């Protein structure tokens, strides 16, 4: 999913931006059938009135039969996105108006509007509890919950319907990553986590992934992405030894700092020949090790994407993730 262009399709539907009609308009009803599009609610970060997002959300409730809405995207809500989006409280308050909501994107904000590291996620737990039939949740932003005195972005919970969960971030806290692993998600098939960098609150280590890697709480998981990490070699080593890996169909370790050490761990660990796809693009792997990985897996029908080798920079370790600030 691009950080530079607005999402065009979501939940299997084309995305339509909610357009507010003033009282002089010939029609005050949006043009699309409620269940024909994925609705996006957003305000212009440079030209908006106070509490405009809240007003636009209530306009949505007043003019659209939201009982038929299946997919919703909540985009830019202010010129300061570090504070929690009002969308979370509004969604919880009006959960009874969205009985068929199955796909939810929180933070559909492009880079022109805000850097991903400037965006706060907010508190997700009440939303998940208010929507027990939600099947897909995409969250873009940072948790800002490293302080133990603040409310966590996510608390361990059980959700029986969620099938797809994705966190896009320049840095996720250890507390949030650990909480993901402690959630009981029996229907979850697809999980993607952008771990990020420590400079932008990406404090999670492989220890925080341990519960997730056991696979006990996610028995249906088949596609796993642990991506965009400055500790990608350590993540690869953890995956190579994890019980969960044996039942995956797709593994994504892309966007991070993967090097020869990480590939060596993958080759030395449990066999990955059962995978359908292995994606490790945006990497710092030598040509020799990249070829070893291909030669090991491709004869078994594994699609290996190890494209986009990156050049080392002349500061720090020289490696960098794809999305940080």
Protein backbone atom coordinates (compact mmCIF):
# COMPACT_ATOMS: atom_id res chain seq x y z
CA UNK A 1 0.00 0.00 0.00
CA UNK A 2 1.45 3.36 -1.06
CA UNK A 3 2.18 6.17 1.38
CA UNK A 4 2.26 8.64 -1.50
CA UNK A 5 -1.16 8.06 -3.08
CA UNK A 6 -4.58 7.75 -1.54
CA UNK A 7 -5.98 4.25 -1.29
CA UNK A 8 -8.05 3.56 -4.40
CA UNK A 9 -9.62 0.22 -3.41
CA UNK A 10 -10.39 -1.21 -0.01
CA UNK A 11 -12.46 -4.12 1.18
CA UNK A 12 -12.96 -5.20 -2.42
CA UNK A 13 -14.61 -1.88 -3.34
CA UNK A 14 -13.55 1.38 -5.01
CA UNK A 15 -12.94 4.20 -2.55
CA UNK A 16 -15.17 7.28 -2.63
CA UNK A 17 -14.48 10.43 -0.64
CA UNK A 18 -17.45 11.75 1.26
CA UNK A 19 -18.33 15.13 -0.22
CA UNK A 20 -20.19 17.53 2.04
CA UNK A 21 -23.08 19.35 0.37
CA UNK A 22 -24.14 22.69 1.82
CA UNK A 23 -27.74 23.74 2.28
CA UNK A 24 -27.88 25.44 -1.12
CA UNK A 25 -27.03 22.26 -3.03
CA UNK A 26 -29.78 20.66 -5.09
CA UNK A 27 -29.19 17.37 -3.28
CA UNK A 28 -27.87 16.67 0.18
CA UNK A 29 -27.50 12.93 -0.42
CA UNK A 30 -24.13 11.45 -1.48
CA UNK A 31 -24.11 9.99 -4.98
CA UNK A 32 -23.09 6.41 -4.22
CA UNK A 33 -25.10 3.49 -2.91
CA UNK A 34 -24.01 2.85 0.68
CA UNK A 35 -22.67 -0.64 -0.05
CA UNK A 36 -21.21 0.09 -3.50
CA UNK A 37 -18.07 1.90 -2.32
CA UNK A 38 -15.60 2.06 0.53
CA UNK A 39 -16.26 5.45 2.11
CA UNK A 40 -13.37 7.74 3.08
CA UNK A 41 -13.85 10.54 5.58
CA UNK A 42 -11.05 13.10 5.68
CA UNK A 43 -10.45 16.83 5.94
CA UNK A 44 -7.90 19.04 4.24
CA UNK A 45 -5.00 19.42 6.71
CA UNK A 46 -4.39 23.01 5.60
CA UNK A 47 -7.95 24.26 5.10
CA UNK A 48 -10.39 23.02 7.68
CA UNK A 49 -12.62 24.39 10.40
CA UNK A 50 -12.39 23.44 14.06
CA UNK A 51 -13.90 20.00 14.69
CA UNK A 52 -14.59 19.63 10.97
CA UNK A 53 -13.87 15.90 10.98
CA UNK A 54 -16.52 15.35 13.66
CA UNK A 55 -19.02 17.42 11.64
CA UNK A 56 -18.25 15.45 8.50
CA UNK A 57 -18.66 12.15 10.32
CA UNK A 58 -22.06 13.21 11.65
CA UNK A 59 -23.04 14.37 8.17
CA UNK A 60 -22.17 10.86 7.01
CA UNK A 61 -24.48 9.40 9.64
CA UNK A 62 -27.27 11.78 8.63
CA UNK A 63 -27.10 11.27 4.85
CA UNK A 64 -25.93 7.70 4.26
CA UNK A 65 -27.65 4.48 5.29
CA UNK A 66 -24.62 3.39 7.27
CA UNK A 67 -26.29 0.08 8.15
CA UNK A 68 -25.34 -0.96 4.60
CA UNK A 69 -21.73 0.31 4.73
CA UNK A 70 -19.17 -2.51 4.67
CA UNK A 71 -15.89 -0.59 4.28
CA UNK A 72 -14.74 2.68 5.84
CA UNK A 73 -11.49 4.65 5.71
CA UNK A 74 -10.74 7.45 8.17
CA UNK A 75 -8.13 9.83 6.83
CA UNK A 76 -6.65 13.15 7.87
CA UNK A 77 -8.49 14.69 10.83
CA UNK A 78 -6.44 17.82 11.64
CA UNK A 79 -3.26 19.72 10.91
CA UNK A 80 -1.83 18.05 14.05
CA UNK A 81 -2.06 14.29 13.66
CA UNK A 82 -0.06 13.44 16.78
CA UNK A 83 -3.27 13.56 18.83
CA UNK A 84 -5.72 10.68 18.72
CA UNK A 85 -8.10 10.77 15.79
CA UNK A 86 -11.68 11.65 16.78
CA UNK A 87 -12.70 8.80 14.48
CA UNK A 88 -12.00 6.24 17.21
CA UNK A 89 -14.43 7.71 19.74
CA UNK A 90 -17.03 8.39 17.04
CA UNK A 91 -16.84 4.82 15.79
CA UNK A 92 -17.33 3.46 19.29
CA UNK A 93 -20.15 5.89 20.06
CA UNK A 94 -22.04 5.00 16.90
CA UNK A 95 -21.19 1.31 16.56
CA UNK A 96 -24.88 0.44 16.36
CA UNK A 97 -25.10 2.43 13.12
CA UNK A 98 -22.54 0.18 11.39
CA UNK A 99 -23.81 -3.41 11.84
CA UNK A 100 -22.26 -4.57 8.55
CA UNK A 101 -18.89 -2.84 8.78
CA UNK A 102 -16.25 -5.44 7.93
CA UNK A 103 -13.26 -3.41 6.69
CA UNK A 104 -11.78 -0.43 8.57
CA UNK A 105 -8.71 1.68 7.75
CA UNK A 106 -7.59 4.10 10.46
CA UNK A 107 -5.07 6.70 9.29
CA UNK A 108 -5.42 6.67 5.50
CA UNK A 109 -3.09 9.67 5.31
CA UNK A 110 -0.53 10.26 2.56
CA UNK A 111 2.97 11.65 3.02
CA UNK A 112 1.98 15.02 1.56
CA UNK A 113 -0.36 15.45 4.53
CA UNK A 114 1.89 14.06 7.26
CA UNK A 115 4.96 11.95 7.84
CA UNK A 116 3.96 8.54 9.16
CA UNK A 117 6.02 9.04 12.34
CA UNK A 118 4.01 12.16 13.22
CA UNK A 119 0.69 10.32 13.28
CA UNK A 120 -0.72 8.95 16.51
CA UNK A 121 -2.60 5.66 16.44
CA UNK A 122 -4.74 6.24 19.48
CA UNK A 123 -6.49 3.60 21.57
CA UNK A 124 -7.66 0.70 19.41
CA UNK A 125 -9.06 -1.67 22.01
CA UNK A 126 -12.51 -0.04 22.35
CA UNK A 127 -12.94 -0.07 18.56
CA UNK A 128 -12.21 -3.78 18.29
CA UNK A 129 -14.56 -4.53 21.15
CA UNK A 130 -17.31 -2.38 19.60
CA UNK A 131 -17.03 -4.20 16.25
CA UNK A 132 -16.89 -7.94 16.98
CA UNK A 133 -17.71 -8.77 13.33
CA UNK A 134 -14.89 -6.69 11.84
CA UNK A 135 -12.80 -8.77 9.42
CA UNK A 136 -10.05 -6.34 8.38
CA UNK A 137 -8.27 -3.60 10.31
CA UNK A 138 -5.50 -1.46 8.84
CA UNK A 139 -3.77 1.07 11.08
CA UNK A 140 -1.22 3.64 9.90
CA UNK A 141 0.83 5.69 12.36
CA UNK A 142 2.84 5.40 15.58
CA UNK A 143 1.59 4.29 18.98
CA UNK A 144 3.31 6.94 21.15
CA UNK A 145 2.60 4.58 24.07
CA UNK A 146 6.09 3.98 25.40
CA UNK A 147 5.11 5.72 28.64
CA UNK A 148 3.60 3.09 30.97
CA UNK A 149 1.41 5.79 32.53
CA UNK A 150 -0.49 6.34 29.27
CA UNK A 151 -3.29 4.17 27.93
CA UNK A 152 -1.90 1.44 25.67
CA UNK A 153 -2.78 1.51 21.99
CA UNK A 154 -3.87 -2.11 22.28
CA UNK A 155 -4.70 -4.40 25.17
CA UNK A 156 -4.71 -8.19 24.85
CA UNK A 157 -8.19 -9.29 23.79
CA UNK A 158 -10.07 -11.95 21.87
CA UNK A 159 -11.63 -11.16 18.50
CA UNK A 160 -13.30 -14.03 16.68
CA UNK A 161 -13.89 -12.45 13.25
CA UNK A 162 -10.70 -10.54 12.39
CA UNK A 163 -9.01 -12.10 9.35
CA UNK A 164 -6.59 -9.34 8.28
CA UNK A 165 -4.60 -7.05 10.58
CA UNK A 166 -1.98 -4.60 9.34
CA UNK A 167 0.10 -1.99 11.17
CA UNK A 168 1.99 0.46 8.93
CA UNK A 169 4.46 2.48 10.99
CA UNK A 170 7.87 4.04 11.19
CA UNK A 171 8.14 2.72 14.74
CA UNK A 172 5.97 0.48 16.91
CA UNK A 173 6.49 0.26 20.65
CA UNK A 174 7.41 -2.92 22.46
CA UNK A 175 4.17 -2.63 24.40
CA UNK A 176 2.03 -2.62 21.25
CA UNK A 177 3.93 -5.44 19.52
CA UNK A 178 3.78 -7.53 22.66
CA UNK A 179 0.03 -6.91 22.96
CA UNK A 180 -0.54 -8.08 19.39
CA UNK A 181 1.06 -11.40 20.28
CA UNK A 182 -1.15 -11.74 23.35
CA UNK A 183 -4.41 -11.27 21.44
CA UNK A 184 -6.46 -14.39 20.73
CA UNK A 185 -7.33 -14.11 17.03
CA UNK A 186 -8.63 -17.52 15.93
CA UNK A 187 -9.73 -16.36 12.44
CA UNK A 188 -6.65 -14.26 11.61
CA UNK A 189 -5.09 -15.32 8.30
CA UNK A 190 -3.00 -12.29 7.34
CA UNK A 191 -0.83 -10.24 9.73
CA UNK A 192 1.54 -7.46 8.69
CA UNK A 193 3.60 -5.44 11.15
CA UNK A 194 6.01 -2.64 10.20
CA UNK A 195 8.33 -2.61 13.21
CA UNK A 196 10.23 0.56 12.30
CA UNK A 197 13.20 2.16 14.01
CA UNK A 198 14.06 3.12 17.59
CA UNK A 199 14.41 6.80 16.67
CA UNK A 200 10.67 6.85 15.98
CA UNK A 201 9.49 4.77 18.95
CA UNK A 202 10.23 1.40 17.36
CA UNK A 203 11.34 -0.21 20.62
CA UNK A 204 10.17 -3.79 19.97
CA UNK A 205 12.73 -6.60 20.04
CA UNK A 206 12.46 -10.25 19.05
CA UNK A 207 11.52 -11.01 22.67
CA UNK A 208 8.33 -9.03 22.13
CA UNK A 209 7.51 -11.29 19.17
CA UNK A 210 7.90 -14.52 21.14
CA UNK A 211 4.23 -15.09 21.93
CA UNK A 212 3.22 -14.38 18.35
CA UNK A 213 5.92 -16.69 17.03
CA UNK A 214 4.55 -19.56 19.09
CA UNK A 215 1.46 -19.46 16.89
CA UNK A 216 -0.81 -20.61 19.71
CA UNK A 217 -3.14 -17.59 19.60
CA UNK A 218 -3.30 -17.33 15.79
CA UNK A 219 -4.08 -20.89 14.61
CA UNK A 220 -5.34 -19.80 11.17
CA UNK A 221 -2.44 -17.49 10.29
CA UNK A 222 -1.01 -18.21 6.84
CA UNK A 223 0.54 -14.90 5.74
CA UNK A 224 2.99 -13.07 8.00
CA UNK A 225 4.88 -9.85 7.41
CA UNK A 226 7.46 -8.66 9.95
CA UNK A 227 8.80 -5.78 7.96
CA UNK A 228 10.48 -2.40 7.82
CA UNK A 229 12.74 -3.22 10.77
CA UNK A 230 16.21 -2.04 11.74
CA UNK A 231 16.67 -5.43 13.47
CA UNK A 232 15.62 -7.42 10.40
CA UNK A 233 18.48 -9.93 10.76
CA UNK A 234 17.38 -10.76 14.31
CA UNK A 235 13.77 -11.00 13.16
CA UNK A 236 14.81 -13.42 10.40
CA UNK A 237 16.65 -15.58 12.94
CA UNK A 238 13.59 -15.66 15.19
CA UNK A 239 11.33 -16.61 12.30
CA UNK A 240 13.72 -19.38 11.26
CA UNK A 241 13.26 -21.06 14.64
CA UNK A 242 9.60 -20.22 15.31
CA UNK A 243 6.88 -22.91 15.55
CA UNK A 244 4.51 -20.63 13.64
CA UNK A 245 6.68 -20.64 10.51
CA UNK A 246 5.95 -24.26 9.63
CA UNK A 247 2.33 -23.49 8.73
CA UNK A 248 2.83 -20.23 6.88
CA UNK A 249 2.19 -19.95 3.15
CA UNK A 250 3.71 -16.50 2.72
CA UNK A 251 6.52 -14.79 4.64
CA UNK A 252 7.46 -11.14 4.16
CA UNK A 253 10.69 -9.76 5.66
CA UNK A 254 10.97 -6.84 3.25
CA UNK A 255 11.51 -3.09 3.68
CA UNK A 256 14.15 -3.50 6.39
CA UNK A 257 17.87 -3.94 6.95
CA UNK A 258 18.18 -7.64 6.11
CA UNK A 259 21.75 -8.66 5.32
CA UNK A 260 23.82 -11.82 4.88
CA UNK A 261 23.47 -12.69 8.57
CA UNK A 262 19.69 -12.80 8.28
CA UNK A 263 19.72 -14.88 5.11
CA UNK A 264 22.20 -17.28 6.70
CA UNK A 265 19.80 -17.71 9.62
CA UNK A 266 16.94 -18.45 7.22
CA UNK A 267 19.02 -21.07 5.40
CA UNK A 268 20.28 -22.68 8.61
CA UNK A 269 16.90 -22.79 10.32
CA UNK A 270 13.88 -24.96 9.68
CA UNK A 271 13.11 -25.68 6.01
CA UNK A 272 11.16 -22.97 4.20
CA UNK A 273 10.43 -25.13 1.18
CA UNK A 274 6.73 -25.32 2.11
CA UNK A 275 6.26 -21.59 1.48
CA UNK A 276 4.49 -20.30 -1.59
CA UNK A 277 6.20 -16.91 -1.41
CA UNK A 278 9.15 -15.35 0.41
CA UNK A 279 9.56 -11.61 0.04
CA UNK A 280 12.73 -9.88 1.22
CA UNK A 281 13.06 -6.92 -1.13
CA UNK A 282 14.68 -3.68 0.03
CA UNK A 283 17.68 -5.45 1.54
CA UNK A 284 21.47 -5.38 2.04
CA UNK A 285 22.19 -8.98 1.04
CA UNK A 286 25.24 -9.79 -1.08
CA UNK A 287 24.74 -11.24 -4.56
CA UNK A 288 26.24 -14.54 -3.41
CA UNK A 289 23.84 -14.98 -0.50
CA UNK A 290 20.87 -13.84 -2.55
CA UNK A 291 21.65 -16.52 -5.12
CA UNK A 292 22.00 -19.15 -2.39
CA UNK A 293 18.54 -18.28 -1.13
CA UNK A 294 17.06 -18.55 -4.62
CA UNK A 295 18.82 -21.83 -5.38
CA UNK A 296 17.62 -23.34 -2.12
CA UNK A 297 13.95 -22.44 -2.44
CA UNK A 298 13.02 -22.05 -6.09
CA UNK A 299 13.42 -25.76 -6.98
CA UNK A 300 10.63 -26.40 -4.45
CA UNK A 301 8.27 -23.97 -6.15
CA UNK A 302 8.80 -21.07 -3.74
CA UNK A 303 8.49 -17.64 -5.34
CA UNK A 304 11.43 -15.65 -3.95
CA UNK A 305 11.38 -11.87 -4.29
CA UNK A 306 14.79 -10.56 -3.31
CA UNK A 307 14.75 -7.55 -5.59
CA UNK A 308 15.75 -3.97 -4.78
CA UNK A 309 19.18 -4.33 -3.15
CA UNK A 310 20.10 -1.08 -1.40
CA UNK A 311 23.42 0.76 -1.19
CA UNK A 312 25.06 1.21 2.20
CA UNK A 313 25.19 4.78 3.45
CA UNK A 314 28.29 6.27 5.04
CA UNK A 315 26.86 6.80 8.52
CA UNK A 316 25.90 4.48 11.36
CA UNK A 317 25.61 0.87 10.27
CA UNK A 318 25.02 2.05 6.73
CA UNK A 319 21.68 0.25 6.58
CA UNK A 320 18.24 1.85 6.69
CA UNK A 321 14.60 0.86 6.50
CA UNK A 322 12.26 1.83 3.71
CA UNK A 323 9.86 3.86 5.88
CA UNK A 324 11.03 5.66 9.02
CA UNK A 325 9.99 9.28 9.38
